[in-house]
């Protein structure tokens, strides 16, 4: 069976997926300071062809993996993400977070800037904060640097030969539904699909683990 490579979002580790049971799952780390470097980390995580499931920054890395090695990606699931190039406002925000983290403000950046955008429902803060602390400020700064190297991925999606599923929460404050609709529509020949989880926020594997696992397993079984 083809492996499923799980790629986490920024400040997340393998615990992100602990409630999402998928067959033959392999966890990839993204710690390089560029999107291309992260994509190379993912490609090195497993031999041969694989299905890639990425969340947020992990899905952005997934687009780059498809660009670098389209023959290896049999299917791509992009969760809670954005395929567009960064805006000036985003770049300014990342620079600010990097400067404050470098000055010892990692905990404040995580709590004040990032945590409020992660969930649509209460009760999950401690789990995210635990992941963020394990990832730590050095890797966080590398991930911020990588964000700044993002490019528009719609050309990659338009030429993709694999099936693409994009999944989002209707209450995602960071990556709204419209971002995901554009991703699904960019994939040719009807191979793009969109699923929206009502009331959910950004970190769907934590807020909706069973629902997400069900639709992913159904999608994988179609493959």
N, C-alpha and C. Protein backbone atom coordinates (compact mmCIF):
# COMPACT_ATOMS: atom_id res chain seq x y z
N UNK A 1 0.84 -1.20 0.00
CA UNK A 1 0.00 0.00 0.00
C UNK A 1 0.87 1.24 0.00
N UNK A 2 0.47 2.28 -0.72
CA UNK A 2 1.22 3.52 -0.78
C UNK A 2 1.20 4.22 0.58
N UNK A 3 2.35 4.72 1.01
CA UNK A 3 2.43 5.42 2.29
C UNK A 3 1.68 6.75 2.22
N UNK A 4 1.21 7.19 3.37
CA UNK A 4 0.61 8.52 3.52
C UNK A 4 1.53 9.35 4.38
N UNK A 5 2.10 10.41 3.80
CA UNK A 5 3.02 11.27 4.53
C UNK A 5 2.23 12.45 5.11
N UNK A 6 2.30 12.61 6.42
CA UNK A 6 1.60 13.67 7.13
C UNK A 6 2.57 14.82 7.41
N UNK A 7 2.21 16.01 6.95
CA UNK A 7 3.09 17.17 7.10
C UNK A 7 2.37 18.20 7.97
N UNK A 8 2.93 18.54 9.13
CA UNK A 8 2.22 19.42 10.06
C UNK A 8 2.31 20.89 9.65
N UNK A 9 1.54 21.72 10.34
CA UNK A 9 1.61 23.15 10.14
C UNK A 9 2.69 23.78 11.00
N UNK A 10 2.81 25.08 10.89
CA UNK A 10 3.79 25.82 11.68
C UNK A 10 3.50 25.65 13.18
N UNK A 11 4.57 25.42 13.94
CA UNK A 11 4.50 25.23 15.39
C UNK A 11 3.74 23.97 15.80
N UNK A 12 3.57 23.04 14.86
CA UNK A 12 2.91 21.77 15.16
C UNK A 12 3.90 20.63 14.99
N UNK A 13 3.68 19.53 15.72
CA UNK A 13 4.48 18.33 15.56
C UNK A 13 3.55 17.15 15.29
N UNK A 14 4.05 15.94 15.44
CA UNK A 14 3.26 14.76 15.09
C UNK A 14 2.00 14.61 15.94
N UNK A 15 1.98 15.25 17.12
CA UNK A 15 0.78 15.17 17.96
C UNK A 15 -0.44 15.78 17.27
N UNK A 16 -0.22 16.65 16.31
CA UNK A 16 -1.33 17.23 15.55
C UNK A 16 -2.24 16.15 15.00
N UNK A 17 -1.65 15.02 14.59
CA UNK A 17 -2.38 13.96 13.89
C UNK A 17 -2.76 12.80 14.81
N UNK A 18 -2.54 12.94 16.12
CA UNK A 18 -2.71 11.78 17.01
C UNK A 18 -4.13 11.25 17.06
N UNK A 19 -5.12 12.08 16.75
CA UNK A 19 -6.50 11.60 16.75
C UNK A 19 -7.02 11.23 15.39
N UNK A 20 -6.15 11.28 14.37
CA UNK A 20 -6.55 10.98 12.99
C UNK A 20 -5.86 9.69 12.56
N UNK A 21 -6.61 8.61 12.58
CA UNK A 21 -6.04 7.30 12.27
C UNK A 21 -6.06 7.06 10.76
N UNK A 22 -4.86 6.90 10.19
CA UNK A 22 -4.72 6.65 8.76
C UNK A 22 -3.76 5.48 8.56
N UNK A 23 -3.99 4.65 7.56
CA UNK A 23 -3.10 3.51 7.34
C UNK A 23 -1.75 3.95 6.78
N UNK A 24 -0.70 3.24 7.19
CA UNK A 24 0.65 3.46 6.63
C UNK A 24 1.08 4.91 6.68
N UNK A 25 0.82 5.57 7.83
CA UNK A 25 1.16 6.98 7.96
C UNK A 25 2.63 7.16 8.34
N UNK A 26 3.26 8.14 7.73
CA UNK A 26 4.64 8.52 8.00
C UNK A 26 4.63 10.01 8.35
N UNK A 27 5.31 10.39 9.43
CA UNK A 27 5.34 11.78 9.85
C UNK A 27 6.60 12.46 9.31
N UNK A 28 6.43 13.59 8.66
CA UNK A 28 7.55 14.38 8.15
C UNK A 28 7.72 15.62 9.02
N UNK A 29 8.97 16.04 9.19
CA UNK A 29 9.25 17.28 9.88
C UNK A 29 9.56 18.37 8.86
N UNK A 30 9.22 19.62 9.21
CA UNK A 30 9.55 20.75 8.34
C UNK A 30 10.29 21.78 9.19
N UNK A 31 11.60 21.76 9.09
CA UNK A 31 12.45 22.63 9.91
C UNK A 31 13.42 23.46 9.07
N UNK A 32 13.44 23.28 7.77
CA UNK A 32 14.35 24.04 6.91
C UNK A 32 13.87 25.48 6.77
N UNK A 33 14.76 26.42 6.45
CA UNK A 33 14.37 27.84 6.37
C UNK A 33 13.81 28.27 5.02
N UNK A 34 13.54 27.32 4.13
CA UNK A 34 12.90 27.63 2.84
C UNK A 34 11.84 26.59 2.55
N UNK A 35 10.86 26.96 1.73
CA UNK A 35 9.82 26.02 1.34
C UNK A 35 10.43 24.88 0.53
N UNK A 36 11.37 25.19 -0.35
CA UNK A 36 12.01 24.12 -1.14
C UNK A 36 12.77 23.16 -0.23
N UNK A 37 13.48 23.70 0.76
CA UNK A 37 14.20 22.84 1.70
C UNK A 37 13.25 21.95 2.49
N UNK A 38 12.11 22.49 2.88
CA UNK A 38 11.11 21.68 3.56
C UNK A 38 10.56 20.58 2.66
N UNK A 39 10.32 20.92 1.39
CA UNK A 39 9.84 19.92 0.44
C UNK A 39 10.84 18.79 0.29
N UNK A 40 12.10 19.13 0.28
CA UNK A 40 13.14 18.10 0.19
C UNK A 40 13.14 17.22 1.44
N UNK A 41 12.84 17.79 2.62
CA UNK A 41 12.71 16.99 3.83
C UNK A 41 11.57 15.98 3.70
N UNK A 42 10.46 16.43 3.14
CA UNK A 42 9.31 15.54 2.96
C UNK A 42 9.66 14.42 1.99
N UNK A 43 10.30 14.75 0.89
CA UNK A 43 10.66 13.73 -0.10
C UNK A 43 11.63 12.71 0.47
N UNK A 44 12.45 13.12 1.43
CA UNK A 44 13.40 12.20 2.05
C UNK A 44 12.79 11.34 3.14
N UNK A 45 11.54 11.65 3.53
CA UNK A 45 10.91 10.94 4.64
C UNK A 45 10.44 9.54 4.26
N UNK A 46 10.29 9.27 2.96
CA UNK A 46 9.76 7.99 2.51
C UNK A 46 10.31 7.69 1.12
N UNK A 47 10.44 6.41 0.82
CA UNK A 47 10.88 6.00 -0.52
C UNK A 47 9.67 5.79 -1.43
N UNK A 48 9.86 6.05 -2.71
CA UNK A 48 8.84 5.73 -3.69
C UNK A 48 7.66 6.69 -3.67
N UNK A 49 6.57 6.30 -4.34
CA UNK A 49 5.38 7.16 -4.41
C UNK A 49 4.64 7.21 -3.08
N UNK A 50 3.91 8.28 -2.86
CA UNK A 50 3.18 8.44 -1.61
C UNK A 50 2.03 9.42 -1.80
N UNK A 51 1.09 9.36 -0.85
CA UNK A 51 0.04 10.36 -0.73
C UNK A 51 0.48 11.37 0.30
N UNK A 52 0.29 12.64 0.03
CA UNK A 52 0.71 13.69 0.95
C UNK A 52 -0.52 14.37 1.55
N UNK A 53 -0.55 14.44 2.87
CA UNK A 53 -1.60 15.15 3.59
C UNK A 53 -0.91 16.23 4.42
N UNK A 54 -1.16 17.50 4.08
CA UNK A 54 -0.50 18.59 4.77
C UNK A 54 -1.49 19.62 5.27
N UNK A 55 -1.16 20.23 6.41
CA UNK A 55 -2.01 21.26 6.99
C UNK A 55 -1.29 22.60 6.99
N UNK A 56 -1.94 23.63 6.49
CA UNK A 56 -1.45 24.99 6.53
C UNK A 56 -0.07 25.08 5.87
N UNK A 57 0.98 25.41 6.62
CA UNK A 57 2.32 25.44 6.04
C UNK A 57 2.69 24.09 5.45
N UNK A 58 2.23 23.00 6.07
CA UNK A 58 2.51 21.67 5.54
C UNK A 58 1.91 21.44 4.17
N UNK A 59 0.74 22.03 3.91
CA UNK A 59 0.13 21.92 2.59
C UNK A 59 0.86 22.79 1.58
N UNK A 60 1.33 23.97 2.02
CA UNK A 60 2.13 24.82 1.14
C UNK A 60 3.40 24.08 0.72
N UNK A 61 4.00 23.39 1.66
CA UNK A 61 5.14 22.53 1.33
C UNK A 61 4.72 21.43 0.36
N UNK A 62 3.52 20.92 0.54
CA UNK A 62 3.00 19.90 -0.36
C UNK A 62 2.91 20.37 -1.80
N UNK A 63 2.50 21.62 -2.01
CA UNK A 63 2.47 22.17 -3.37
C UNK A 63 3.87 22.16 -3.98
N UNK A 64 4.86 22.50 -3.16
CA UNK A 64 6.24 22.51 -3.65
C UNK A 64 6.74 21.09 -3.93
N UNK A 65 6.33 20.13 -3.12
CA UNK A 65 6.68 18.73 -3.39
C UNK A 65 6.14 18.30 -4.75
N UNK A 66 4.91 18.67 -5.05
CA UNK A 66 4.32 18.34 -6.35
C UNK A 66 5.11 18.99 -7.47
N UNK A 67 5.58 20.22 -7.24
CA UNK A 67 6.38 20.89 -8.27
C UNK A 67 7.72 20.19 -8.50
N UNK A 68 8.36 19.79 -7.40
CA UNK A 68 9.69 19.18 -7.50
C UNK A 68 9.65 17.75 -8.02
N UNK A 69 8.66 16.97 -7.57
CA UNK A 69 8.63 15.54 -7.89
C UNK A 69 7.21 15.08 -8.14
N UNK A 70 6.58 15.55 -9.20
CA UNK A 70 5.17 15.21 -9.44
C UNK A 70 4.94 13.71 -9.61
N UNK A 71 5.96 13.01 -10.08
CA UNK A 71 5.81 11.57 -10.31
C UNK A 71 5.72 10.78 -9.02
N UNK A 72 6.10 11.38 -7.90
CA UNK A 72 6.08 10.66 -6.63
C UNK A 72 4.79 10.87 -5.85
N UNK A 73 4.04 11.92 -6.16
CA UNK A 73 2.83 12.24 -5.38
C UNK A 73 1.62 11.65 -6.09
N UNK A 74 1.03 10.63 -5.49
CA UNK A 74 -0.13 9.98 -6.10
C UNK A 74 -1.42 10.73 -5.80
N UNK A 75 -1.46 11.46 -4.68
CA UNK A 75 -2.62 12.25 -4.32
C UNK A 75 -2.19 13.26 -3.27
N UNK A 76 -2.88 14.40 -3.23
CA UNK A 76 -2.52 15.48 -2.31
C UNK A 76 -3.77 15.95 -1.58
N UNK A 77 -3.69 16.03 -0.26
CA UNK A 77 -4.75 16.64 0.53
C UNK A 77 -4.20 17.89 1.20
N UNK A 78 -4.78 19.04 0.87
CA UNK A 78 -4.35 20.33 1.40
C UNK A 78 -5.40 20.84 2.38
N UNK A 79 -5.03 20.92 3.65
CA UNK A 79 -5.97 21.28 4.71
C UNK A 79 -5.65 22.66 5.26
N UNK A 80 -6.66 23.50 5.42
CA UNK A 80 -6.52 24.79 6.11
C UNK A 80 -5.33 25.58 5.60
N UNK A 81 -5.36 25.96 4.33
CA UNK A 81 -4.15 26.51 3.73
C UNK A 81 -4.45 27.62 2.73
N UNK A 82 -3.40 28.06 2.04
CA UNK A 82 -3.48 29.16 1.09
C UNK A 82 -2.45 28.91 -0.01
N UNK A 83 -2.90 28.85 -1.25
CA UNK A 83 -1.98 28.59 -2.37
C UNK A 83 -1.46 29.87 -3.00
N UNK A 84 -1.88 31.02 -2.51
CA UNK A 84 -1.45 32.29 -3.09
C UNK A 84 -0.08 32.71 -2.54
N UNK A 85 0.56 33.61 -3.26
CA UNK A 85 1.82 34.19 -2.78
C UNK A 85 1.55 35.07 -1.56
N UNK A 86 2.54 35.27 -0.71
CA UNK A 86 2.35 36.11 0.48
C UNK A 86 2.03 37.56 0.11
N UNK A 87 1.24 38.20 0.95
CA UNK A 87 0.95 39.62 0.79
C UNK A 87 1.99 40.44 1.56
N UNK A 88 2.12 41.73 1.23
CA UNK A 88 3.02 42.59 2.02
C UNK A 88 2.68 42.59 3.50
N UNK A 89 1.40 42.54 3.82
CA UNK A 89 0.98 42.53 5.22
C UNK A 89 1.44 41.25 5.92
N UNK A 90 1.34 40.12 5.23
CA UNK A 90 1.82 38.87 5.83
C UNK A 90 3.32 38.93 6.07
N UNK A 91 4.07 39.41 5.10
CA UNK A 91 5.52 39.50 5.24
C UNK A 91 5.90 40.39 6.44
N UNK A 92 5.20 41.50 6.57
CA UNK A 92 5.48 42.39 7.70
C UNK A 92 5.16 41.71 9.03
N UNK A 93 4.08 40.96 9.06
CA UNK A 93 3.72 40.24 10.28
C UNK A 93 4.75 39.19 10.65
N UNK A 94 5.25 38.45 9.66
CA UNK A 94 6.27 37.43 9.93
C UNK A 94 7.57 38.07 10.42
N UNK A 95 7.95 39.22 9.83
CA UNK A 95 9.16 39.91 10.29
C UNK A 95 9.01 40.35 11.74
N UNK A 96 7.84 40.88 12.08
CA UNK A 96 7.60 41.31 13.45
C UNK A 96 7.68 40.14 14.42
N UNK A 97 7.04 39.01 14.08
CA UNK A 97 7.09 37.84 14.95
C UNK A 97 8.51 37.31 15.10
N UNK A 98 9.27 37.34 14.02
CA UNK A 98 10.66 36.88 14.08
C UNK A 98 11.49 37.77 14.99
N UNK A 99 11.34 39.08 14.86
CA UNK A 99 12.11 40.02 15.68
C UNK A 99 11.76 39.86 17.15
N UNK A 100 10.48 39.73 17.45
CA UNK A 100 10.07 39.58 18.84
C UNK A 100 10.51 38.25 19.41
N UNK A 101 10.48 37.18 18.59
CA UNK A 101 10.97 35.88 19.05
C UNK A 101 12.45 35.92 19.32
N UNK A 102 13.21 36.57 18.43
CA UNK A 102 14.66 36.69 18.61
C UNK A 102 15.01 37.45 19.88
N UNK A 103 14.10 38.33 20.31
CA UNK A 103 14.33 39.13 21.52
C UNK A 103 13.81 38.47 22.78
N UNK A 104 13.42 37.20 22.67
CA UNK A 104 12.97 36.46 23.84
C UNK A 104 11.46 36.44 24.04
N UNK A 105 10.71 36.87 23.04
CA UNK A 105 9.26 36.96 23.19
C UNK A 105 8.49 35.81 22.58
N UNK A 106 9.10 34.64 22.48
CA UNK A 106 8.46 33.49 21.82
C UNK A 106 7.09 33.17 22.41
N UNK A 107 7.01 33.04 23.73
CA UNK A 107 5.74 32.68 24.37
C UNK A 107 4.66 33.71 24.08
N UNK A 108 5.01 34.98 24.12
CA UNK A 108 4.03 36.03 23.88
C UNK A 108 3.56 36.01 22.43
N UNK A 109 4.47 35.78 21.49
CA UNK A 109 4.09 35.70 20.08
C UNK A 109 3.11 34.56 19.86
N UNK A 110 3.42 33.40 20.44
CA UNK A 110 2.55 32.24 20.26
C UNK A 110 1.17 32.50 20.86
N UNK A 111 1.14 33.04 22.06
CA UNK A 111 -0.14 33.25 22.75
C UNK A 111 -0.96 34.40 22.14
N UNK A 112 -0.28 35.49 21.79
CA UNK A 112 -1.00 36.70 21.40
C UNK A 112 -1.28 36.78 19.90
N UNK A 113 -0.36 36.25 19.09
CA UNK A 113 -0.48 36.39 17.64
C UNK A 113 -1.06 35.15 16.96
N UNK A 114 -0.65 33.98 17.42
CA UNK A 114 -0.96 32.76 16.67
C UNK A 114 -2.12 31.99 17.28
N UNK A 115 -2.10 31.77 18.57
CA UNK A 115 -3.15 30.98 19.21
C UNK A 115 -4.56 31.47 18.89
N UNK A 116 -4.84 32.78 18.88
CA UNK A 116 -6.20 33.23 18.61
C UNK A 116 -6.75 32.86 17.24
N UNK A 117 -5.87 32.47 16.30
CA UNK A 117 -6.32 32.12 14.96
C UNK A 117 -6.44 30.61 14.74
N UNK A 118 -6.18 29.82 15.76
CA UNK A 118 -6.09 28.38 15.57
C UNK A 118 -7.41 27.64 15.69
N UNK A 119 -8.32 28.10 16.55
CA UNK A 119 -9.52 27.32 16.85
C UNK A 119 -10.78 28.18 16.78
N UNK A 120 -11.86 27.55 16.37
CA UNK A 120 -13.17 28.20 16.40
C UNK A 120 -13.91 27.88 17.69
N UNK A 121 -13.45 26.87 18.41
CA UNK A 121 -14.10 26.42 19.64
C UNK A 121 -13.09 26.41 20.79
N UNK A 122 -13.53 26.63 22.02
CA UNK A 122 -12.62 26.61 23.16
C UNK A 122 -12.23 25.19 23.56
N UNK A 123 -11.17 25.11 24.37
CA UNK A 123 -10.82 23.83 24.97
C UNK A 123 -9.60 23.15 24.38
N UNK A 124 -8.96 23.75 23.39
CA UNK A 124 -7.84 23.09 22.74
C UNK A 124 -6.51 23.83 22.90
N UNK A 125 -6.51 24.93 23.63
CA UNK A 125 -5.33 25.79 23.70
C UNK A 125 -4.10 25.07 24.22
N UNK A 126 -4.26 24.29 25.30
CA UNK A 126 -3.10 23.66 25.93
C UNK A 126 -2.41 22.69 24.99
N UNK A 127 -3.18 22.00 24.17
CA UNK A 127 -2.56 21.05 23.24
C UNK A 127 -1.71 21.78 22.20
N UNK A 128 -2.23 22.88 21.67
CA UNK A 128 -1.44 23.64 20.71
C UNK A 128 -0.20 24.24 21.38
N UNK A 129 -0.36 24.80 22.56
CA UNK A 129 0.78 25.40 23.24
C UNK A 129 1.86 24.36 23.55
N UNK A 130 1.43 23.15 23.86
CA UNK A 130 2.40 22.08 24.09
C UNK A 130 3.20 21.77 22.85
N UNK A 131 2.53 21.70 21.71
CA UNK A 131 3.25 21.46 20.46
C UNK A 131 4.21 22.61 20.17
N UNK A 132 3.73 23.83 20.34
CA UNK A 132 4.56 25.00 20.04
C UNK A 132 5.82 25.01 20.89
N UNK A 133 5.70 24.68 22.16
CA UNK A 133 6.87 24.66 23.03
C UNK A 133 7.85 23.57 22.63
N UNK A 134 7.33 22.42 22.18
CA UNK A 134 8.24 21.36 21.73
C UNK A 134 8.95 21.77 20.44
N UNK A 135 8.24 22.42 19.55
CA UNK A 135 8.88 22.90 18.31
C UNK A 135 9.95 23.93 18.65
N UNK A 136 9.62 24.88 19.51
CA UNK A 136 10.60 25.82 20.03
C UNK A 136 10.88 27.01 19.14
N UNK A 137 11.54 28.03 19.70
CA UNK A 137 11.76 29.28 18.98
C UNK A 137 12.69 29.17 17.78
N UNK A 138 13.69 28.33 17.83
CA UNK A 138 14.63 28.24 16.70
C UNK A 138 13.95 27.70 15.45
N UNK A 139 13.21 26.61 15.61
CA UNK A 139 12.49 26.06 14.46
C UNK A 139 11.38 27.01 14.01
N UNK A 140 10.73 27.67 14.96
CA UNK A 140 9.71 28.66 14.61
C UNK A 140 10.30 29.75 13.72
N UNK A 141 11.47 30.24 14.05
CA UNK A 141 12.10 31.28 13.24
C UNK A 141 12.46 30.75 11.85
N UNK A 142 12.89 29.50 11.77
CA UNK A 142 13.15 28.89 10.45
C UNK A 142 11.85 28.79 9.65
N UNK A 143 10.76 28.45 10.32
CA UNK A 143 9.47 28.34 9.62
C UNK A 143 8.98 29.71 9.15
N UNK A 144 9.20 30.74 9.95
CA UNK A 144 8.86 32.09 9.52
C UNK A 144 9.68 32.50 8.30
N UNK A 145 10.97 32.16 8.31
CA UNK A 145 11.82 32.46 7.16
C UNK A 145 11.34 31.71 5.92
N UNK A 146 10.91 30.47 6.10
CA UNK A 146 10.40 29.68 4.98
C UNK A 146 9.14 30.30 4.42
N UNK A 147 8.26 30.79 5.29
CA UNK A 147 7.03 31.42 4.82
C UNK A 147 7.33 32.54 3.82
N UNK A 148 8.39 33.26 4.08
CA UNK A 148 8.74 34.39 3.22
C UNK A 148 9.23 33.95 1.84
N UNK A 149 9.55 32.66 1.67
CA UNK A 149 9.99 32.14 0.38
C UNK A 149 8.86 31.51 -0.43
N UNK A 150 7.65 31.60 0.09
CA UNK A 150 6.50 31.04 -0.64
C UNK A 150 6.30 31.73 -1.98
N UNK A 151 5.75 30.98 -2.92
CA UNK A 151 5.36 31.55 -4.20
C UNK A 151 3.93 31.10 -4.51
N UNK A 152 3.32 31.73 -5.48
CA UNK A 152 1.99 31.34 -5.93
C UNK A 152 2.03 29.91 -6.44
N UNK A 153 1.14 29.06 -5.92
CA UNK A 153 1.14 27.63 -6.27
C UNK A 153 0.05 27.26 -7.25
N UNK A 154 -0.70 28.22 -7.77
CA UNK A 154 -1.81 27.86 -8.64
C UNK A 154 -1.35 27.29 -9.98
N UNK A 155 -0.17 27.69 -10.45
CA UNK A 155 0.37 27.08 -11.66
C UNK A 155 0.69 25.61 -11.45
N UNK A 156 1.21 25.29 -10.26
CA UNK A 156 1.49 23.89 -9.92
C UNK A 156 0.19 23.08 -9.91
N UNK A 157 -0.83 23.65 -9.29
CA UNK A 157 -2.11 22.95 -9.21
C UNK A 157 -2.72 22.76 -10.59
N UNK A 158 -2.57 23.74 -11.46
CA UNK A 158 -3.15 23.66 -12.80
C UNK A 158 -2.49 22.59 -13.65
N UNK A 159 -1.25 22.25 -13.33
CA UNK A 159 -0.55 21.23 -14.11
C UNK A 159 -0.44 19.90 -13.36
N UNK A 160 -1.04 19.82 -12.17
CA UNK A 160 -0.94 18.60 -11.37
C UNK A 160 -1.66 17.44 -12.04
N UNK A 161 -1.03 16.27 -11.99
CA UNK A 161 -1.65 15.07 -12.54
C UNK A 161 -2.30 14.21 -11.46
N UNK A 162 -2.09 14.57 -10.19
CA UNK A 162 -2.67 13.78 -9.09
C UNK A 162 -4.02 14.34 -8.68
N UNK A 163 -4.76 13.54 -7.94
CA UNK A 163 -6.01 14.01 -7.35
C UNK A 163 -5.69 14.95 -6.20
N UNK A 164 -6.53 15.96 -6.02
CA UNK A 164 -6.31 16.93 -4.94
C UNK A 164 -7.61 17.11 -4.16
N UNK A 165 -7.52 16.87 -2.86
CA UNK A 165 -8.62 17.15 -1.94
C UNK A 165 -8.20 18.32 -1.07
N UNK A 166 -9.05 19.33 -0.94
CA UNK A 166 -8.77 20.41 -0.01
C UNK A 166 -9.89 20.48 1.01
N UNK A 167 -9.51 20.64 2.27
CA UNK A 167 -10.45 20.57 3.39
C UNK A 167 -10.27 21.81 4.26
N UNK A 168 -11.38 22.39 4.67
CA UNK A 168 -11.28 23.57 5.53
C UNK A 168 -12.45 23.61 6.50
N UNK A 169 -12.30 24.44 7.53
CA UNK A 169 -13.38 24.69 8.46
C UNK A 169 -14.09 25.98 8.10
N UNK A 170 -15.39 26.01 8.26
CA UNK A 170 -16.14 27.21 7.90
C UNK A 170 -15.81 28.38 8.82
N UNK A 171 -15.23 28.08 10.00
CA UNK A 171 -14.88 29.13 10.95
C UNK A 171 -13.40 29.41 11.02
N UNK A 172 -12.65 29.05 10.00
CA UNK A 172 -11.20 29.28 9.98
C UNK A 172 -10.93 30.77 9.82
N UNK A 173 -10.36 31.40 10.85
CA UNK A 173 -10.07 32.83 10.81
C UNK A 173 -8.82 33.15 10.02
N UNK A 174 -7.98 32.15 9.77
CA UNK A 174 -6.70 32.37 9.10
C UNK A 174 -6.78 32.09 7.61
N UNK A 175 -7.44 31.00 7.24
CA UNK A 175 -7.56 30.59 5.83
C UNK A 175 -9.03 30.31 5.53
N UNK A 176 -9.76 31.30 5.08
CA UNK A 176 -11.21 31.14 4.87
C UNK A 176 -11.55 30.21 3.72
N UNK A 177 -12.82 29.89 3.61
CA UNK A 177 -13.30 28.92 2.63
C UNK A 177 -12.91 29.31 1.21
N UNK A 178 -12.93 30.60 0.89
CA UNK A 178 -12.61 31.04 -0.46
C UNK A 178 -11.22 30.62 -0.92
N UNK A 179 -10.26 30.58 -0.01
CA UNK A 179 -8.92 30.12 -0.36
C UNK A 179 -8.97 28.69 -0.91
N UNK A 180 -9.77 27.86 -0.26
CA UNK A 180 -9.83 26.44 -0.60
C UNK A 180 -10.65 26.19 -1.85
N UNK A 181 -11.66 27.01 -2.05
CA UNK A 181 -12.44 26.90 -3.28
C UNK A 181 -11.54 27.17 -4.50
N UNK A 182 -10.68 28.17 -4.38
CA UNK A 182 -9.75 28.47 -5.47
C UNK A 182 -8.80 27.29 -5.74
N UNK A 183 -8.35 26.63 -4.68
CA UNK A 183 -7.46 25.47 -4.85
C UNK A 183 -8.17 24.36 -5.61
N UNK A 184 -9.38 24.02 -5.18
CA UNK A 184 -10.12 22.93 -5.84
C UNK A 184 -10.41 23.27 -7.29
N UNK A 185 -10.74 24.51 -7.58
CA UNK A 185 -11.09 24.91 -8.94
C UNK A 185 -9.86 24.98 -9.85
N UNK A 186 -8.68 25.11 -9.26
CA UNK A 186 -7.46 25.21 -10.08
C UNK A 186 -7.01 23.87 -10.64
N UNK A 187 -7.46 22.78 -10.03
CA UNK A 187 -7.03 21.45 -10.46
C UNK A 187 -7.85 21.02 -11.68
N UNK A 188 -7.20 20.62 -12.78
CA UNK A 188 -7.95 20.33 -14.02
C UNK A 188 -8.68 18.99 -14.00
N UNK A 189 -9.56 18.84 -14.96
CA UNK A 189 -10.23 17.57 -15.25
C UNK A 189 -11.07 17.04 -14.10
N UNK A 190 -11.57 17.94 -13.27
CA UNK A 190 -12.45 17.51 -12.19
C UNK A 190 -11.76 16.74 -11.09
N UNK A 191 -10.43 16.81 -11.02
CA UNK A 191 -9.69 16.05 -10.00
C UNK A 191 -9.51 16.82 -8.70
N UNK A 192 -10.03 18.04 -8.65
CA UNK A 192 -10.00 18.80 -7.41
C UNK A 192 -11.32 18.71 -6.67
N UNK A 193 -11.25 18.53 -5.37
CA UNK A 193 -12.46 18.38 -4.56
C UNK A 193 -12.34 19.22 -3.30
N UNK A 194 -13.44 19.81 -2.87
CA UNK A 194 -13.47 20.64 -1.67
C UNK A 194 -14.44 20.06 -0.66
N UNK A 195 -13.99 19.98 0.59
CA UNK A 195 -14.86 19.60 1.70
C UNK A 195 -14.77 20.66 2.79
N UNK A 196 -15.92 21.11 3.28
CA UNK A 196 -15.99 22.15 4.30
C UNK A 196 -16.59 21.54 5.56
N UNK A 197 -15.92 21.72 6.69
CA UNK A 197 -16.41 21.20 7.97
C UNK A 197 -17.08 22.34 8.73
N UNK A 198 -18.39 22.28 8.92
CA UNK A 198 -19.13 23.39 9.53
C UNK A 198 -18.65 23.68 10.95
N UNK A 199 -18.46 24.97 11.23
CA UNK A 199 -18.16 25.42 12.58
C UNK A 199 -16.74 25.21 13.05
N UNK A 200 -15.91 24.57 12.24
CA UNK A 200 -14.55 24.26 12.66
C UNK A 200 -13.59 25.38 12.30
N UNK A 201 -12.45 25.42 12.99
CA UNK A 201 -11.44 26.43 12.76
C UNK A 201 -10.27 25.92 11.95
N UNK A 202 -9.07 26.38 12.30
CA UNK A 202 -7.89 26.13 11.48
C UNK A 202 -7.29 24.74 11.71
N UNK A 203 -7.15 24.34 12.96
CA UNK A 203 -6.49 23.06 13.26
C UNK A 203 -7.52 21.93 13.29
N UNK A 204 -7.96 21.54 12.11
CA UNK A 204 -9.02 20.53 12.00
C UNK A 204 -8.64 19.18 12.62
N UNK A 205 -7.38 18.73 12.53
CA UNK A 205 -7.07 17.44 13.16
C UNK A 205 -7.28 17.44 14.67
N UNK A 206 -7.30 18.60 15.29
CA UNK A 206 -7.55 18.69 16.73
C UNK A 206 -9.03 18.95 17.01
N UNK A 207 -9.66 19.84 16.25
CA UNK A 207 -11.07 20.15 16.48
C UNK A 207 -12.03 19.10 15.95
N UNK A 208 -11.68 18.47 14.82
CA UNK A 208 -12.58 17.50 14.17
C UNK A 208 -11.80 16.24 13.77
N UNK A 209 -11.12 15.57 14.71
CA UNK A 209 -10.27 14.44 14.33
C UNK A 209 -11.03 13.28 13.70
N UNK A 210 -12.17 12.91 14.27
CA UNK A 210 -12.90 11.75 13.75
C UNK A 210 -13.53 12.05 12.40
N UNK A 211 -14.09 13.23 12.26
CA UNK A 211 -14.69 13.60 10.97
C UNK A 211 -13.61 13.66 9.90
N UNK A 212 -12.48 14.29 10.23
CA UNK A 212 -11.39 14.39 9.27
C UNK A 212 -10.84 13.00 8.92
N UNK A 213 -10.67 12.15 9.91
CA UNK A 213 -10.18 10.79 9.64
C UNK A 213 -11.15 10.05 8.73
N UNK A 214 -12.44 10.20 8.95
CA UNK A 214 -13.43 9.52 8.13
C UNK A 214 -13.38 9.94 6.68
N UNK A 215 -13.32 11.25 6.44
CA UNK A 215 -13.32 11.69 5.04
C UNK A 215 -11.98 11.40 4.37
N UNK A 216 -10.87 11.45 5.13
CA UNK A 216 -9.57 11.11 4.53
C UNK A 216 -9.49 9.63 4.17
N UNK A 217 -9.97 8.77 5.06
CA UNK A 217 -9.93 7.34 4.76
C UNK A 217 -10.85 7.01 3.59
N UNK A 218 -11.99 7.65 3.52
CA UNK A 218 -12.87 7.44 2.37
C UNK A 218 -12.20 7.88 1.08
N UNK A 219 -11.54 9.03 1.12
CA UNK A 219 -10.83 9.56 -0.05
C UNK A 219 -9.66 8.66 -0.44
N UNK A 220 -8.91 8.19 0.56
CA UNK A 220 -7.79 7.31 0.28
C UNK A 220 -8.26 5.98 -0.33
N UNK A 221 -9.38 5.47 0.15
CA UNK A 221 -9.89 4.20 -0.38
C UNK A 221 -10.38 4.32 -1.82
N UNK A 222 -10.71 5.53 -2.26
CA UNK A 222 -11.09 5.74 -3.65
C UNK A 222 -9.89 5.69 -4.57
N UNK A 223 -8.71 5.87 -3.99
CA UNK A 223 -7.48 6.02 -4.77
C UNK A 223 -6.95 4.65 -5.20
